[in-house]
PDB file of N, CA and C in Angstrom:
ATOM      1  N   MET A   1       2.832 -11.917  -6.220  1.00  0.00           N
ATOM      2  CA  MET A   1       1.930 -10.800  -6.295  1.00  0.00           C
ATOM      3  C   MET A   1       1.993 -10.243  -7.718  1.00  0.00           C
ATOM      4  N   GLU A   2       0.845  -9.927  -8.245  1.00  0.00           N
ATOM      5  CA  GLU A   2       0.740  -9.367  -9.578  1.00  0.00           C
ATOM      6  C   GLU A   2       0.793  -7.843  -9.477  1.00  0.00           C
ATOM      7  N   ILE A   3       1.741  -7.230 -10.192  1.00  0.00           N
ATOM      8  CA  ILE A   3       1.904  -5.777 -10.163  1.00  0.00           C
ATOM      9  C   ILE A   3       1.735  -5.250 -11.587  1.00  0.00           C
ATOM     10  N   ASN A   4       0.727  -4.390 -11.775  1.00  0.00           N
ATOM     11  CA  ASN A   4       0.474  -3.775 -13.072  1.00  0.00           C
ATOM     12  C   ASN A   4       0.837  -2.299 -12.992  1.00  0.00           C
ATOM     13  N   VAL A   5       1.585  -1.818 -13.973  1.00  0.00           N
ATOM     14  CA  VAL A   5       1.942  -0.403 -14.051  1.00  0.00           C
ATOM     15  C   VAL A   5       1.420   0.126 -15.376  1.00  0.00           C
ATOM     16  N   THR A   6       0.590   1.175 -15.312  1.00  0.00           N
ATOM     17  CA  THR A   6       0.001   1.770 -16.504  1.00  0.00           C
ATOM     18  C   THR A   6       0.484   3.201 -16.634  1.00  0.00           C
ATOM     19  N   PHE A   7       0.970   3.557 -17.819  1.00  0.00           N
ATOM     20  CA  PHE A   7       1.408   4.922 -18.103  1.00  0.00           C
ATOM     21  C   PHE A   7       0.362   5.582 -18.990  1.00  0.00           C
ATOM     22  N   ARG A   8      -0.103   6.764 -18.590  1.00  0.00           N
ATOM     23  CA  ARG A   8      -1.043   7.525 -19.415  1.00  0.00           C
ATOM     24  C   ARG A   8      -0.389   8.834 -19.824  1.00  0.00           C
ATOM     25  N   HIS A   9      -0.462   9.149 -21.083  1.00  0.00           N
ATOM     26  CA  HIS A   9       0.047  10.389 -21.645  1.00  0.00           C
ATOM     27  C   HIS A   9       1.548  10.549 -21.425  1.00  0.00           C
ATOM     28  N   SER A  10       2.274   9.446 -21.325  1.00  0.00           N
ATOM     29  CA  SER A  10       3.726   9.511 -21.202  1.00  0.00           C
ATOM     30  C   SER A  10       4.318   8.216 -21.726  1.00  0.00           C
ATOM     31  N   GLU A  11       5.607   8.259 -21.963  1.00  0.00           N
ATOM     32  CA  GLU A  11       6.309   7.088 -22.461  1.00  0.00           C
ATOM     33  C   GLU A  11       6.639   6.152 -21.302  1.00  0.00           C
ATOM     34  N   PRO A  12       6.453   4.852 -21.483  1.00  0.00           N
ATOM     35  CA  PRO A  12       6.812   3.906 -20.421  1.00  0.00           C
ATOM     36  C   PRO A  12       8.318   3.945 -20.157  1.00  0.00           C
ATOM     37  N   SER A  13       8.693   4.027 -18.906  1.00  0.00           N
ATOM     38  CA  SER A  13      10.090   4.104 -18.524  1.00  0.00           C
ATOM     39  C   SER A  13      10.441   2.913 -17.643  1.00  0.00           C
ATOM     40  N   ASP A  14      11.520   2.224 -17.995  1.00  0.00           N
ATOM     41  CA  ASP A  14      11.940   1.065 -17.213  1.00  0.00           C
ATOM     42  C   ASP A  14      12.464   1.475 -15.842  1.00  0.00           C
ATOM     43  N   SER A  15      13.077   2.644 -15.749  1.00  0.00           N
ATOM     44  CA  SER A  15      13.601   3.086 -14.454  1.00  0.00           C
ATOM     45  C   SER A  15      12.461   3.372 -13.473  1.00  0.00           C
ATOM     46  N   VAL A  16      11.385   3.978 -13.964  1.00  0.00           N
ATOM     47  CA  VAL A  16      10.228   4.252 -13.108  1.00  0.00           C
ATOM     48  C   VAL A  16       9.565   2.939 -12.711  1.00  0.00           C
ATOM     49  N   ARG A  17       9.409   2.048 -13.660  1.00  0.00           N
ATOM     50  CA  ARG A  17       8.791   0.746 -13.396  1.00  0.00           C
ATOM     51  C   ARG A  17       9.607  -0.032 -12.357  1.00  0.00           C
ATOM     52  N   GLN A  18      10.930  -0.026 -12.496  1.00  0.00           N
ATOM     53  CA  GLN A  18      11.796  -0.736 -11.554  1.00  0.00           C
ATOM     54  C   GLN A  18      11.714  -0.109 -10.160  1.00  0.00           C
ATOM     55  N   HIS A  19      11.660   1.225 -10.090  1.00  0.00           N
ATOM     56  CA  HIS A  19      11.532   1.923  -8.813  1.00  0.00           C
ATOM     57  C   HIS A  19      10.230   1.526  -8.105  1.00  0.00           C
ATOM     58  N   ILE A  20       9.149   1.461  -8.859  1.00  0.00           N
ATOM     59  CA  ILE A  20       7.847   1.079  -8.296  1.00  0.00           C
ATOM     60  C   ILE A  20       7.891  -0.361  -7.791  1.00  0.00           C
ATOM     61  N   LEU A  21       8.452  -1.270  -8.573  1.00  0.00           N
ATOM     62  CA  LEU A  21       8.531  -2.679  -8.167  1.00  0.00           C
ATOM     63  C   LEU A  21       9.347  -2.854  -6.886  1.00  0.00           C
ATOM     64  N   GLU A  22      10.459  -2.134  -6.768  1.00  0.00           N
ATOM     65  CA  GLU A  22      11.286  -2.226  -5.565  1.00  0.00           C
ATOM     66  C   GLU A  22      10.540  -1.716  -4.339  1.00  0.00           C
ATOM     67  N   ARG A  23       9.857  -0.582  -4.490  1.00  0.00           N
ATOM     68  CA  ARG A  23       9.143  -0.001  -3.347  1.00  0.00           C
ATOM     69  C   ARG A  23       7.964  -0.872  -2.910  1.00  0.00           C
ATOM     70  N   ILE A  24       7.253  -1.467  -3.859  1.00  0.00           N
ATOM     71  CA  ILE A  24       6.123  -2.321  -3.513  1.00  0.00           C
ATOM     72  C   ILE A  24       6.616  -3.611  -2.858  1.00  0.00           C
ATOM     73  N   GLN A  25       7.756  -4.137  -3.290  1.00  0.00           N
ATOM     74  CA  GLN A  25       8.314  -5.327  -2.657  1.00  0.00           C
ATOM     75  C   GLN A  25       8.676  -5.054  -1.195  1.00  0.00           C
ATOM     76  N   LYS A  26       9.087  -3.824  -0.878  1.00  0.00           N
ATOM     77  CA  LYS A  26       9.392  -3.466   0.502  1.00  0.00           C
ATOM     78  C   LYS A  26       8.124  -3.453   1.362  1.00  0.00           C
ATOM     79  N   LEU A  27       6.987  -3.187   0.740  1.00  0.00           N
ATOM     80  CA  LEU A  27       5.727  -3.170   1.483  1.00  0.00           C
ATOM     81  C   LEU A  27       5.221  -4.566   1.812  1.00  0.00           C
ATOM     82  N   SER A  28       5.817  -5.580   1.228  1.00  0.00           N
ATOM     83  CA  SER A  28       5.330  -6.945   1.439  1.00  0.00           C
ATOM     84  C   SER A  28       5.482  -7.401   2.882  1.00  0.00           C
ATOM     85  N   LYS A  29       6.337  -6.731   3.681  1.00  0.00           N
ATOM     86  CA  LYS A  29       6.480  -7.132   5.080  1.00  0.00           C
ATOM     87  C   LYS A  29       5.227  -6.823   5.887  1.00  0.00           C
ATOM     88  N   TYR A  30       4.375  -5.927   5.402  1.00  0.00           N
ATOM     89  CA  TYR A  30       3.136  -5.588   6.085  1.00  0.00           C
ATOM     90  C   TYR A  30       1.957  -6.448   5.624  1.00  0.00           C
ATOM     91  N   LEU A  31       2.149  -7.189   4.563  1.00  0.00           N
ATOM     92  CA  LEU A  31       1.053  -7.934   3.954  1.00  0.00           C
ATOM     93  C   LEU A  31       1.093  -9.399   4.344  1.00  0.00           C
ATOM     94  N   ILE A  32      -0.079  -9.955   4.573  1.00  0.00           N
ATOM     95  CA  ILE A  32      -0.182 -11.375   4.896  1.00  0.00           C
ATOM     96  C   ILE A  32      -0.186 -12.185   3.604  1.00  0.00           C
ATOM     97  N   LYS A  33      -1.096 -11.838   2.710  1.00  0.00           N
ATOM     98  CA  LYS A  33      -1.195 -12.537   1.437  1.00  0.00           C
ATOM     99  C   LYS A  33      -1.573 -11.523   0.355  1.00  0.00           C
ATOM    100  N   PRO A  34      -0.584 -10.830  -0.211  1.00  0.00           N
ATOM    101  CA  PRO A  34      -0.897  -9.848  -1.243  1.00  0.00           C
ATOM    102  C   PRO A  34      -1.337 -10.522  -2.532  1.00  0.00           C
ATOM    103  N   THR A  35      -2.322  -9.934  -3.200  1.00  0.00           N
ATOM    104  CA  THR A  35      -2.806 -10.535  -4.429  1.00  0.00           C
ATOM    105  C   THR A  35      -2.535  -9.662  -5.651  1.00  0.00           C
ATOM    106  N   MET A  36      -2.758  -8.336  -5.527  1.00  0.00           N
ATOM    107  CA  MET A  36      -2.614  -7.495  -6.707  1.00  0.00           C
ATOM    108  C   MET A  36      -2.255  -6.072  -6.328  1.00  0.00           C
ATOM    109  N   ALA A  37      -1.447  -5.443  -7.153  1.00  0.00           N
ATOM    110  CA  ALA A  37      -1.151  -4.018  -7.021  1.00  0.00           C
ATOM    111  C   ALA A  37      -1.288  -3.407  -8.413  1.00  0.00           C
ATOM    112  N   HIS A  38      -2.001  -2.302  -8.489  1.00  0.00           N
ATOM    113  CA  HIS A  38      -2.171  -1.611  -9.764  1.00  0.00           C
ATOM    114  C   HIS A  38      -1.740  -0.166  -9.588  1.00  0.00           C
ATOM    115  N   VAL A  39      -0.786   0.268 -10.415  1.00  0.00           N
ATOM    116  CA  VAL A  39      -0.251   1.625 -10.354  1.00  0.00           C
ATOM    117  C   VAL A  39      -0.559   2.299 -11.680  1.00  0.00           C
ATOM    118  N   THR A  40      -1.196   3.472 -11.601  1.00  0.00           N
ATOM    119  CA  THR A  40      -1.486   4.266 -12.795  1.00  0.00           C
ATOM    120  C   THR A  40      -0.733   5.582 -12.696  1.00  0.00           C
ATOM    121  N   LEU A  41       0.084   5.867 -13.703  1.00  0.00           N
ATOM    122  CA  LEU A  41       0.858   7.098 -13.740  1.00  0.00           C
ATOM    123  C   LEU A  41       0.316   7.968 -14.865  1.00  0.00           C
ATOM    124  N   ASN A  42      -0.089   9.187 -14.515  1.00  0.00           N
ATOM    125  CA  ASN A  42      -0.706  10.093 -15.471  1.00  0.00           C
ATOM    126  C   ASN A  42       0.116  11.372 -15.538  1.00  0.00           C
ATOM    127  N   THR A  43       0.358  11.865 -16.751  1.00  0.00           N
ATOM    128  CA  THR A  43       1.104  13.104 -16.940  1.00  0.00           C
ATOM    129  C   THR A  43       0.240  14.091 -17.708  1.00  0.00           C
ATOM    130  N   GLU A  44       0.062  15.276 -17.120  1.00  0.00           N
ATOM    131  CA  GLU A  44      -0.669  16.362 -17.773  1.00  0.00           C
ATOM    132  C   GLU A  44       0.183  17.614 -17.675  1.00  0.00           C
ATOM    133  N   GLY A  45       0.881  17.942 -18.726  1.00  0.00           N
ATOM    134  CA  GLY A  45       1.777  19.087 -18.696  1.00  0.00           C
ATOM    135  C   GLY A  45       2.937  18.807 -17.760  1.00  0.00           C
ATOM    136  N   THR A  46       3.050  19.617 -16.695  1.00  0.00           N
ATOM    137  CA  THR A  46       4.119  19.395 -15.722  1.00  0.00           C
ATOM    138  C   THR A  46       3.625  18.681 -14.483  1.00  0.00           C
ATOM    139  N   ARG A  47       2.349  18.329 -14.449  1.00  0.00           N
ATOM    140  CA  ARG A  47       1.779  17.635 -13.290  1.00  0.00           C
ATOM    141  C   ARG A  47       1.836  16.137 -13.505  1.00  0.00           C
ATOM    142  N   HIS A  48       2.350  15.443 -12.512  1.00  0.00           N
ATOM    143  CA  HIS A  48       2.445  13.983 -12.557  1.00  0.00           C
ATOM    144  C   HIS A  48       1.590  13.411 -11.435  1.00  0.00           C
ATOM    145  N   THR A  49       0.674  12.520 -11.786  1.00  0.00           N
ATOM    146  CA  THR A  49      -0.219  11.916 -10.805  1.00  0.00           C
ATOM    147  C   THR A  49       0.058  10.423 -10.729  1.00  0.00           C
ATOM    148  N   ALA A  50       0.179   9.935  -9.497  1.00  0.00           N
ATOM    149  CA  ALA A  50       0.352   8.502  -9.257  1.00  0.00           C
ATOM    150  C   ALA A  50      -0.851   8.010  -8.461  1.00  0.00           C
ATOM    151  N   GLU A  51      -1.542   7.002  -8.983  1.00  0.00           N
ATOM    152  CA  GLU A  51      -2.669   6.374  -8.303  1.00  0.00           C
ATOM    153  C   GLU A  51      -2.304   4.918  -8.061  1.00  0.00           C
ATOM    154  N   ILE A  52      -2.412   4.496  -6.806  1.00  0.00           N
ATOM    155  CA  ILE A  52      -2.007   3.143  -6.441  1.00  0.00           C
ATOM    156  C   ILE A  52      -3.157   2.438  -5.745  1.00  0.00           C
ATOM    157  N   SER A  53      -3.432   1.227  -6.175  1.00  0.00           N
ATOM    158  CA  SER A  53      -4.449   0.389  -5.553  1.00  0.00           C
ATOM    159  C   SER A  53      -3.806  -0.956  -5.244  1.00  0.00           C
ATOM    160  N   LEU A  54      -3.842  -1.322  -3.971  1.00  0.00           N
ATOM    161  CA  LEU A  54      -3.228  -2.566  -3.528  1.00  0.00           C
ATOM    162  C   LEU A  54      -4.291  -3.385  -2.821  1.00  0.00           C
ATOM    163  N   SER A  55      -4.439  -4.655  -3.205  1.00  0.00           N
ATOM    164  CA  SER A  55      -5.464  -5.486  -2.570  1.00  0.00           C
ATOM    165  C   SER A  55      -4.826  -6.707  -1.920  1.00  0.00           C
ATOM    166  N   GLU A  56      -5.433  -7.078  -0.792  1.00  0.00           N
ATOM    167  CA  GLU A  56      -4.983  -8.243  -0.047  1.00  0.00           C
ATOM    168  C   GLU A  56      -6.220  -8.907   0.536  1.00  0.00           C
ATOM    169  N   ASN A  57      -6.450 -10.160   0.192  1.00  0.00           N
ATOM    170  CA  ASN A  57      -7.640 -10.890   0.630  1.00  0.00           C
ATOM    171  C   ASN A  57      -8.889 -10.043   0.418  1.00  0.00           C
ATOM    172  N   HIS A  58      -9.460  -9.497   1.492  1.00  0.00           N
ATOM    173  CA  HIS A  58     -10.677  -8.697   1.359  1.00  0.00           C
ATOM    174  C   HIS A  58     -10.428  -7.222   1.604  1.00  0.00           C
ATOM    175  N   ALA A  59      -9.208  -6.811   1.800  1.00  0.00           N
ATOM    176  CA  ALA A  59      -8.882  -5.415   2.078  1.00  0.00           C
ATOM    177  C   ALA A  59      -8.291  -4.763   0.833  1.00  0.00           C
ATOM    178  N   VAL A  60      -8.705  -3.520   0.578  1.00  0.00           N
ATOM    179  CA  VAL A  60      -8.193  -2.760  -0.555  1.00  0.00           C
ATOM    180  C   VAL A  60      -7.649  -1.447  -0.022  1.00  0.00           C
ATOM    181  N   PHE A  61      -6.440  -1.091  -0.446  1.00  0.00           N
ATOM    182  CA  PHE A  61      -5.786   0.133  -0.013  1.00  0.00           C
ATOM    183  C   PHE A  61      -5.553   1.006  -1.237  1.00  0.00           C
ATOM    184  N   ASN A  62      -5.988   2.270  -1.169  1.00  0.00           N
ATOM    185  CA  ASN A  62      -5.870   3.190  -2.293  1.00  0.00           C
ATOM    186  C   ASN A  62      -5.164   4.459  -1.855  1.00  0.00           C
ATOM    187  N   ALA A  63      -4.381   5.032  -2.767  1.00  0.00           N
ATOM    188  CA  ALA A  63      -3.736   6.314  -2.511  1.00  0.00           C
ATOM    189  C   ALA A  63      -3.418   6.970  -3.844  1.00  0.00           C
ATOM    190  N   HIS A  64      -3.408   8.292  -3.849  1.00  0.00           N
ATOM    191  CA  HIS A  64      -2.980   9.023  -5.036  1.00  0.00           C
ATOM    192  C   HIS A  64      -2.321  10.320  -4.605  1.00  0.00           C
ATOM    193  N   ASP A  65      -1.444  10.816  -5.459  1.00  0.00           N
ATOM    194  CA  ASP A  65      -0.771  12.071  -5.181  1.00  0.00           C
ATOM    195  C   ASP A  65      -0.364  12.711  -6.496  1.00  0.00           C
ATOM    196  N   THR A  66      -0.335  14.050  -6.492  1.00  0.00           N
ATOM    197  CA  THR A  66       0.033  14.812  -7.668  1.00  0.00           C
ATOM    198  C   THR A  66       1.137  15.785  -7.294  1.00  0.00           C
ATOM    199  N   THR A  67       2.248  15.727  -8.023  1.00  0.00           N
ATOM    200  CA  THR A  67       3.356  16.659  -7.833  1.00  0.00           C
ATOM    201  C   THR A  67       3.921  17.020  -9.210  1.00  0.00           C
ATOM    202  N   HIS A  68       5.020  17.766  -9.195  1.00  0.00           N
ATOM    203  CA  HIS A  68       5.669  18.149 -10.455  1.00  0.00           C
ATOM    204  C   HIS A  68       6.799  17.196 -10.831  1.00  0.00           C
ATOM    205  N   ASP A  69       6.999  16.155 -10.029  1.00  0.00           N
ATOM    206  CA  ASP A  69       8.031  15.154 -10.300  1.00  0.00           C
ATOM    207  C   ASP A  69       7.399  13.773 -10.195  1.00  0.00           C
ATOM    208  N   LEU A  70       7.620  12.943 -11.180  1.00  0.00           N
ATOM    209  CA  LEU A  70       6.999  11.626 -11.222  1.00  0.00           C
ATOM    210  C   LEU A  70       7.459  10.739 -10.062  1.00  0.00           C
ATOM    211  N   PHE A  71       8.758  10.734  -9.776  1.00  0.00           N
ATOM    212  CA  PHE A  71       9.276   9.884  -8.703  1.00  0.00           C
ATOM    213  C   PHE A  71       8.746  10.328  -7.341  1.00  0.00           C
ATOM    214  N   SER A  72       8.647  11.628  -7.109  1.00  0.00           N
ATOM    215  CA  SER A  72       8.157  12.090  -5.811  1.00  0.00           C
ATOM    216  C   SER A  72       6.668  11.792  -5.638  1.00  0.00           C
ATOM    217  N   SER A  73       5.888  11.854  -6.721  1.00  0.00           N
ATOM    218  CA  SER A  73       4.471  11.519  -6.608  1.00  0.00           C
ATOM    219  C   SER A  73       4.291  10.028  -6.330  1.00  0.00           C
ATOM    220  N   VAL A  74       5.108   9.176  -6.935  1.00  0.00           N
ATOM    221  CA  VAL A  74       5.055   7.735  -6.676  1.00  0.00           C
ATOM    222  C   VAL A  74       5.458   7.456  -5.225  1.00  0.00           C
ATOM    223  N   ASP A  75       6.554   8.081  -4.775  1.00  0.00           N
ATOM    224  CA  ASP A  75       7.014   7.870  -3.402  1.00  0.00           C
ATOM    225  C   ASP A  75       5.985   8.342  -2.380  1.00  0.00           C
ATOM    226  N   SER A  76       5.372   9.485  -2.634  1.00  0.00           N
ATOM    227  CA  SER A  76       4.381  10.018  -1.708  1.00  0.00           C
ATOM    228  C   SER A  76       3.153   9.113  -1.629  1.00  0.00           C
ATOM    229  N   ALA A  77       2.685   8.623  -2.765  1.00  0.00           N
ATOM    230  CA  ALA A  77       1.529   7.725  -2.781  1.00  0.00           C
ATOM    231  C   ALA A  77       1.864   6.407  -2.084  1.00  0.00           C
ATOM    232  N   LEU A  78       3.066   5.886  -2.288  1.00  0.00           N
ATOM    233  CA  LEU A  78       3.464   4.652  -1.619  1.00  0.00           C
ATOM    234  C   LEU A  78       3.630   4.858  -0.117  1.00  0.00           C
ATOM    235  N   ASP A  79       4.055   6.046   0.294  1.00  0.00           N
ATOM    236  CA  ASP A  79       4.132   6.344   1.726  1.00  0.00           C
ATOM    237  C   ASP A  79       2.736   6.341   2.347  1.00  0.00           C
ATOM    238  N   LYS A  80       1.755   6.862   1.624  1.00  0.00           N
ATOM    239  CA  LYS A  80       0.369   6.862   2.109  1.00  0.00           C
ATOM    240  C   LYS A  80      -0.151   5.426   2.243  1.00  0.00           C
ATOM    241  N   ILE A  81       0.175   4.589   1.266  1.00  0.00           N
ATOM    242  CA  ILE A  81      -0.223   3.178   1.322  1.00  0.00           C
ATOM    243  C   ILE A  81       0.445   2.509   2.523  1.00  0.00           C
ATOM    244  N   GLU A  82       1.710   2.829   2.775  1.00  0.00           N
ATOM    245  CA  GLU A  82       2.421   2.233   3.895  1.00  0.00           C
ATOM    246  C   GLU A  82       1.770   2.594   5.227  1.00  0.00           C
ATOM    247  N   VAL A  83       1.325   3.832   5.376  1.00  0.00           N
ATOM    248  CA  VAL A  83       0.627   4.248   6.598  1.00  0.00           C
ATOM    249  C   VAL A  83      -0.662   3.453   6.759  1.00  0.00           C
ATOM    250  N   GLN A  84      -1.401   3.276   5.676  1.00  0.00           N
ATOM    251  CA  GLN A  84      -2.644   2.501   5.724  1.00  0.00           C
ATOM    252  C   GLN A  84      -2.371   1.050   6.108  1.00  0.00           C
ATOM    253  N   LEU A  85      -1.304   0.477   5.555  1.00  0.00           N
ATOM    254  CA  LEU A  85      -0.967  -0.915   5.854  1.00  0.00           C
ATOM    255  C   LEU A  85      -0.549  -1.090   7.309  1.00  0.00           C
ATOM    256  N   LYS A  86       0.232  -0.146   7.837  1.00  0.00           N
ATOM    257  CA  LYS A  86       0.640  -0.226   9.240  1.00  0.00           C
ATOM    258  C   LYS A  86      -0.577  -0.164  10.152  1.00  0.00           C
ATOM    259  N   LYS A  87      -1.496   0.729   9.847  1.00  0.00           N
ATOM    260  CA  LYS A  87      -2.702   0.872  10.660  1.00  0.00           C
ATOM    261  C   LYS A  87      -3.536  -0.403  10.595  1.00  0.00           C
ATOM    262  N   TYR A  88      -3.666  -0.974   9.411  1.00  0.00           N
ATOM    263  CA  TYR A  88      -4.434  -2.202   9.230  1.00  0.00           C
ATOM    264  C   TYR A  88      -3.793  -3.364   9.992  1.00  0.00           C
ATOM    265  N   LYS A  89      -2.459  -3.467   9.911  1.00  0.00           N
ATOM    266  CA  LYS A  89      -1.765  -4.561  10.577  1.00  0.00           C
ATOM    267  C   LYS A  89      -1.907  -4.433  12.099  1.00  0.00           C
ATOM    268  N   GLU A  90      -1.806  -3.221  12.629  1.00  0.00           N
ATOM    269  CA  GLU A  90      -1.992  -3.012  14.062  1.00  0.00           C
ATOM    270  C   GLU A  90      -3.416  -3.359  14.490  1.00  0.00           C
ATOM    271  N   LYS A  91      -4.369  -3.030  13.658  1.00  0.00           N
ATOM    272  CA  LYS A  91      -5.768  -3.346  13.948  1.00  0.00           C
ATOM    273  C   LYS A  91      -5.971  -4.856  14.019  1.00  0.00           C
ATOM    274  N   ILE A  92      -5.371  -5.583  13.105  1.00  0.00           N
ATOM    275  CA  ILE A  92      -5.472  -7.044  13.094  1.00  0.00           C
ATOM    276  C   ILE A  92      -4.783  -7.622  14.331  1.00  0.00           C
ATOM    277  N   LYS A  93      -3.601  -7.101  14.677  1.00  0.00           N
ATOM    278  CA  LYS A  93      -2.887  -7.593  15.856  1.00  0.00           C
ATOM    279  C   LYS A  93      -3.689  -7.358  17.123  1.00  0.00           C
ATOM    280  N   ASP A  94      -4.250  -6.161  17.284  1.00  0.00           N
ATOM    281  CA  ASP A  94      -5.032  -5.841  18.469  1.00  0.00           C
ATOM    282  C   ASP A  94      -6.272  -6.714  18.569  1.00  0.00           C
ATOM    283  N   HIS A  95      -6.859  -7.025  17.446  1.00  0.00           N
ATOM    284  CA  HIS A  95      -8.055  -7.870  17.431  1.00  0.00           C
ATOM    285  C   HIS A  95      -7.736  -9.268  17.947  1.00  0.00           C
ATOM    286  N   HIS A  96      -6.573  -9.783  17.589  1.00  0.00           N
ATOM    287  CA  HIS A  96      -6.205 -11.140  17.987  1.00  0.00           C
ATOM    288  C   HIS A  96      -5.673 -11.208  19.413  1.00  0.00           C
ATOM    289  N   LYS A  97      -5.287 -10.080  19.998  1.00  0.00           N
ATOM    290  CA  LYS A  97      -4.761 -10.089  21.359  1.00  0.00           C
ATOM    291  C   LYS A  97      -5.853 -10.295  22.398  1.00  0.00           C
ATOM    292  N   THR A  98      -7.045  -9.793  22.111  1.00  0.00           N
ATOM    293  CA  THR A  98      -8.117  -9.951  23.091  1.00  0.00           C
ATOM    294  C   THR A  98      -8.522 -11.413  23.160  1.00  0.00           C
ATOM    295  N   GLY A  99      -8.878 -11.828  24.324  1.00  0.00           N
ATOM    296  CA  GLY A  99      -9.249 -13.222  24.466  1.00  0.00           C
ATOM    297  C   GLY A  99      -9.364 -13.590  25.920  1.00  0.00           C
ATOM    298  N   LEU A 100      -8.809 -14.712  26.294  1.00  0.00           N
ATOM    299  CA  LEU A 100      -8.945 -15.217  27.651  1.00  0.00           C
ATOM    300  C   LEU A 100      -8.066 -14.496  28.663  1.00  0.00           C
ATOM    301  N   LYS A 101      -7.118 -13.689  28.224  1.00  0.00           N
ATOM    302  CA  LYS A 101      -6.255 -12.989  29.154  1.00  0.00           C
ATOM    303  C   LYS A 101      -7.027 -11.988  30.012  1.00  0.00           C
ATOM    304  N   HIS A 102      -8.115 -11.460  29.501  1.00  0.00           N
ATOM    305  CA  HIS A 102      -8.868 -10.436  30.211  1.00  0.00           C
ATOM    306  C   HIS A 102      -9.851 -11.021  31.228  1.00  0.00           C
ATOM    307  N   ILE A 103     -10.034 -12.306  31.218  1.00  0.00           N
ATOM    308  CA  ILE A 103     -10.957 -12.940  32.157  1.00  0.00           C
ATOM    309  C   ILE A 103     -10.170 -13.294  33.417  1.00  0.00           C
ATOM    310  N   GLU A 104     -10.594 -12.749  34.531  1.00  0.00           N
ATOM    311  CA  GLU A 104      -9.896 -13.008  35.782  1.00  0.00           C
ATOM    312  C   GLU A 104     -10.559 -14.191  36.486  1.00  0.00           C
ATOM    313  N   PRO A 105      -9.777 -15.025  37.145  1.00  0.00           N
ATOM    314  CA  PRO A 105     -10.350 -16.176  37.836  1.00  0.00           C
ATOM    315  C   PRO A 105     -11.152 -15.696  39.063  1.00  0.00           C
ATOM    316  N   SER A 106     -12.230 -16.337  39.293  1.00  0.00           N
ATOM    317  CA  SER A 106     -13.043 -15.977  40.454  1.00  0.00           C
ATOM    318  C   SER A 106     -12.505 -16.658  41.695  1.00  0.00           C
ATOM    319  N   LEU A 107     -12.682 -16.021  42.831  1.00  0.00           N
ATOM    320  CA  LEU A 107     -12.170 -16.556  44.084  1.00  0.00           C
ATOM    321  C   LEU A 107     -13.249 -17.254  44.907  1.00  0.00           C
ATOM    322  N   ASP A 108     -14.332 -17.612  44.270  1.00  0.00           N
ATOM    323  CA  ASP A 108     -15.425 -18.306  44.962  1.00  0.00           C
ATOM    324  C   ASP A 108     -14.997 -19.726  45.313  1.00  0.00           C
ATOM    325  N   SER A 109     -15.172 -20.106  46.551  1.00  0.00           N
ATOM    326  CA  SER A 109     -14.776 -21.459  46.971  1.00  0.00           C
ATOM    327  C   SER A 109     -15.962 -22.270  47.381  1.00  0.00           C
TER     328      SER A 109
END
């Protein structure tokens, strides 16, 4: 999976980058075939904004959050992505469960 991290109006930090990579790798259990993740970190004064876009096949998941701490904004945005991924995975599972199980055999002789 290709992971891009962009820093705007702040210095690139290896600790933040490593934290993001670890958290996104944990999300891989929800993904079938991840292709790209793009994280944009923006700093304006004391406000830190994290915008995350994760794509898989034809599905795109987006989240953003703004707090006064860079790590908490990244964690909050990744938590939002995780909720979206869980919902998507459940939707896919439910779709595949329907089938011949719901058809009852007829008793016509």
